[in-house]
């Protein structure tokens, strides 16, 4: 990809830092606000707000972890250190034989 294409391309959600940051903030915030609304309707104190906000935080970090691993696997595909590990495992590349 040339400089011109890179400059005028629209960032994807996979590589855009803003979308990652918003996913880390917005999901727990929305879930916490929904929990606060639910607590107000049911009169249950802060139980649902804390529970749903905690689930939002855990979900955001799990999502970030799996996105990171998928990105690293895409970047490492075909690199020398991955080929050596495959050869040590005693197998051939299943994608190459297909």
C-alpha atoms as a PDB file:
ATOM      1  CA  UNK A   1       0.000   0.000   0.000  1.00  0.00           C
ATOM      2  CA  UNK A   2       1.452   3.274  -1.082  1.00  0.00           C
ATOM      3  CA  UNK A   3       1.637   6.479   0.890  1.00  0.00           C
ATOM      4  CA  UNK A   4      -1.358   7.976  -0.896  1.00  0.00           C
ATOM      5  CA  UNK A   5      -3.602   4.957  -0.241  1.00  0.00           C
ATOM      6  CA  UNK A   6      -2.502   4.798   3.385  1.00  0.00           C
ATOM      7  CA  UNK A   7      -3.169   8.487   3.917  1.00  0.00           C
ATOM      8  CA  UNK A   8      -6.690   8.372   2.453  1.00  0.00           C
ATOM      9  CA  UNK A   9      -7.798   4.985   3.742  1.00  0.00           C
ATOM     10  CA  UNK A  10     -10.455   4.779   6.405  1.00  0.00           C
ATOM     11  CA  UNK A  11      -9.162   3.073   9.547  1.00  0.00           C
ATOM     12  CA  UNK A  12     -10.822  -0.225  10.334  1.00  0.00           C
ATOM     13  CA  UNK A  13     -12.181  -1.019  13.755  1.00  0.00           C
ATOM     14  CA  UNK A  14      -9.398  -3.597  14.179  1.00  0.00           C
ATOM     15  CA  UNK A  15      -6.603  -1.046  13.974  1.00  0.00           C
ATOM     16  CA  UNK A  16      -8.301   2.075  15.273  1.00  0.00           C
ATOM     17  CA  UNK A  17      -7.150   3.039  18.770  1.00  0.00           C
ATOM     18  CA  UNK A  18     -10.253   5.156  19.357  1.00  0.00           C
ATOM     19  CA  UNK A  19     -12.588   2.220  18.789  1.00  0.00           C
ATOM     20  CA  UNK A  20     -10.564   0.106  21.234  1.00  0.00           C
ATOM     21  CA  UNK A  21     -10.627   2.878  23.825  1.00  0.00           C
ATOM     22  CA  UNK A  22     -14.353   3.401  23.427  1.00  0.00           C
ATOM     23  CA  UNK A  23     -14.983  -0.331  23.738  1.00  0.00           C
ATOM     24  CA  UNK A  24     -13.054  -0.333  27.019  1.00  0.00           C
ATOM     25  CA  UNK A  25     -15.082   2.605  28.389  1.00  0.00           C
ATOM     26  CA  UNK A  26     -18.504   2.574  26.778  1.00  0.00           C
ATOM     27  CA  UNK A  27     -19.481  -1.066  27.387  1.00  0.00           C
ATOM     28  CA  UNK A  28     -18.878  -1.017  31.165  1.00  0.00           C
ATOM     29  CA  UNK A  29     -20.399   2.451  31.440  1.00  0.00           C
ATOM     30  CA  UNK A  30     -23.578   1.491  29.580  1.00  0.00           C
ATOM     31  CA  UNK A  31     -23.931  -1.723  31.549  1.00  0.00           C
ATOM     32  CA  UNK A  32     -23.364   0.136  34.817  1.00  0.00           C
ATOM     33  CA  UNK A  33     -25.946   2.767  33.900  1.00  0.00           C
ATOM     34  CA  UNK A  34     -28.432   0.065  32.956  1.00  0.00           C
ATOM     35  CA  UNK A  35     -27.727  -1.627  36.290  1.00  0.00           C
ATOM     36  CA  UNK A  36     -28.285   1.662  38.128  1.00  0.00           C
ATOM     37  CA  UNK A  37     -31.591   2.119  36.311  1.00  0.00           C
ATOM     38  CA  UNK A  38     -32.564  -1.457  37.160  1.00  0.00           C
ATOM     39  CA  UNK A  39     -31.600  -0.905  40.795  1.00  0.00           C
ATOM     40  CA  UNK A  40     -33.746   2.225  40.941  1.00  0.00           C
ATOM     41  CA  UNK A  41     -36.724   0.366  39.459  1.00  0.00           C
ATOM     42  CA  UNK A  42     -36.352  -2.651  41.746  1.00  0.00           C
ATOM     43  CA  UNK A  43     -35.093  -0.813  44.836  1.00  0.00           C
ATOM     44  CA  UNK A  44     -32.154  -3.169  45.238  1.00  0.00           C
ATOM     45  CA  UNK A  45     -29.490  -0.648  46.256  1.00  0.00           C
ATOM     46  CA  UNK A  46     -26.409  -0.848  44.045  1.00  0.00           C
ATOM     47  CA  UNK A  47     -26.302  -4.610  43.422  1.00  0.00           C
ATOM     48  CA  UNK A  48     -27.168  -4.649  39.718  1.00  0.00           C
ATOM     49  CA  UNK A  49     -25.090  -1.580  38.951  1.00  0.00           C
ATOM     50  CA  UNK A  50     -21.975  -3.161  40.448  1.00  0.00           C
ATOM     51  CA  UNK A  51     -22.692  -6.577  38.954  1.00  0.00           C
ATOM     52  CA  UNK A  52     -23.366  -5.327  35.434  1.00  0.00           C
ATOM     53  CA  UNK A  53     -20.518  -2.798  35.467  1.00  0.00           C
ATOM     54  CA  UNK A  54     -18.149  -5.554  36.637  1.00  0.00           C
ATOM     55  CA  UNK A  55     -19.374  -7.820  33.850  1.00  0.00           C
ATOM     56  CA  UNK A  56     -18.798  -4.982  31.383  1.00  0.00           C
ATOM     57  CA  UNK A  57     -15.219  -4.502  32.587  1.00  0.00           C
ATOM     58  CA  UNK A  58     -14.463  -8.223  32.401  1.00  0.00           C
ATOM     59  CA  UNK A  59     -16.058  -8.442  28.956  1.00  0.00           C
ATOM     60  CA  UNK A  60     -14.066  -5.470  27.689  1.00  0.00           C
ATOM     61  CA  UNK A  61     -10.774  -6.963  28.850  1.00  0.00           C
ATOM     62  CA  UNK A  62     -11.592 -10.422  27.491  1.00  0.00           C
ATOM     63  CA  UNK A  63     -12.501  -8.868  24.146  1.00  0.00           C
ATOM     64  CA  UNK A  64      -9.260  -6.878  24.090  1.00  0.00           C
ATOM     65  CA  UNK A  65      -7.263 -10.017  24.926  1.00  0.00           C
ATOM     66  CA  UNK A  66      -8.749 -12.048  22.078  1.00  0.00           C
ATOM     67  CA  UNK A  67      -8.434  -9.176  19.586  1.00  0.00           C
ATOM     68  CA  UNK A  68      -4.776  -8.795  20.566  1.00  0.00           C
ATOM     69  CA  UNK A  69      -4.075 -12.526  20.147  1.00  0.00           C
ATOM     70  CA  UNK A  70      -5.789 -12.598  16.745  1.00  0.00           C
ATOM     71  CA  UNK A  71      -3.789  -9.572  15.605  1.00  0.00           C
ATOM     72  CA  UNK A  72      -0.495 -11.107  16.750  1.00  0.00           C
ATOM     73  CA  UNK A  73      -1.303 -14.393  15.004  1.00  0.00           C
ATOM     74  CA  UNK A  74      -1.995 -12.524  11.761  1.00  0.00           C
ATOM     75  CA  UNK A  75       1.288 -10.634  12.065  1.00  0.00           C
ATOM     76  CA  UNK A  76       3.301 -13.747  12.951  1.00  0.00           C
ATOM     77  CA  UNK A  77       1.887 -15.861  10.126  1.00  0.00           C
ATOM     78  CA  UNK A  78       4.771 -17.231   8.076  1.00  0.00           C
ATOM     79  CA  UNK A  79       7.534 -15.764  10.230  1.00  0.00           C
ATOM     80  CA  UNK A  80      10.639 -17.893  10.846  1.00  0.00           C
ATOM     81  CA  UNK A  81       9.962 -18.471  14.525  1.00  0.00           C
ATOM     82  CA  UNK A  82       6.503 -19.896  13.776  1.00  0.00           C
ATOM     83  CA  UNK A  83       7.829 -22.239  11.073  1.00  0.00           C
ATOM     84  CA  UNK A  84      10.519 -23.570  13.417  1.00  0.00           C
ATOM     85  CA  UNK A  85       7.953 -24.268  16.133  1.00  0.00           C
ATOM     86  CA  UNK A  86       5.779 -26.089  13.613  1.00  0.00           C
ATOM     87  CA  UNK A  87       8.687 -28.273  12.472  1.00  0.00           C
ATOM     88  CA  UNK A  88       9.556 -29.117  16.104  1.00  0.00           C
ATOM     89  CA  UNK A  89       5.962 -30.178  16.704  1.00  0.00           C
ATOM     90  CA  UNK A  90       6.586 -32.959  14.209  1.00  0.00           C
ATOM     91  CA  UNK A  91       4.066 -31.938  11.615  1.00  0.00           C
ATOM     92  CA  UNK A  92       3.887 -30.268   8.347  1.00  0.00           C
ATOM     93  CA  UNK A  93       1.907 -27.160   7.726  1.00  0.00           C
ATOM     94  CA  UNK A  94      -1.715 -28.286   7.227  1.00  0.00           C
ATOM     95  CA  UNK A  95      -2.415 -25.200   5.104  1.00  0.00           C
ATOM     96  CA  UNK A  96       0.492 -26.003   2.773  1.00  0.00           C
ATOM     97  CA  UNK A  97      -0.719 -29.559   2.137  1.00  0.00           C
ATOM     98  CA  UNK A  98      -4.291 -28.479   1.329  1.00  0.00           C
END
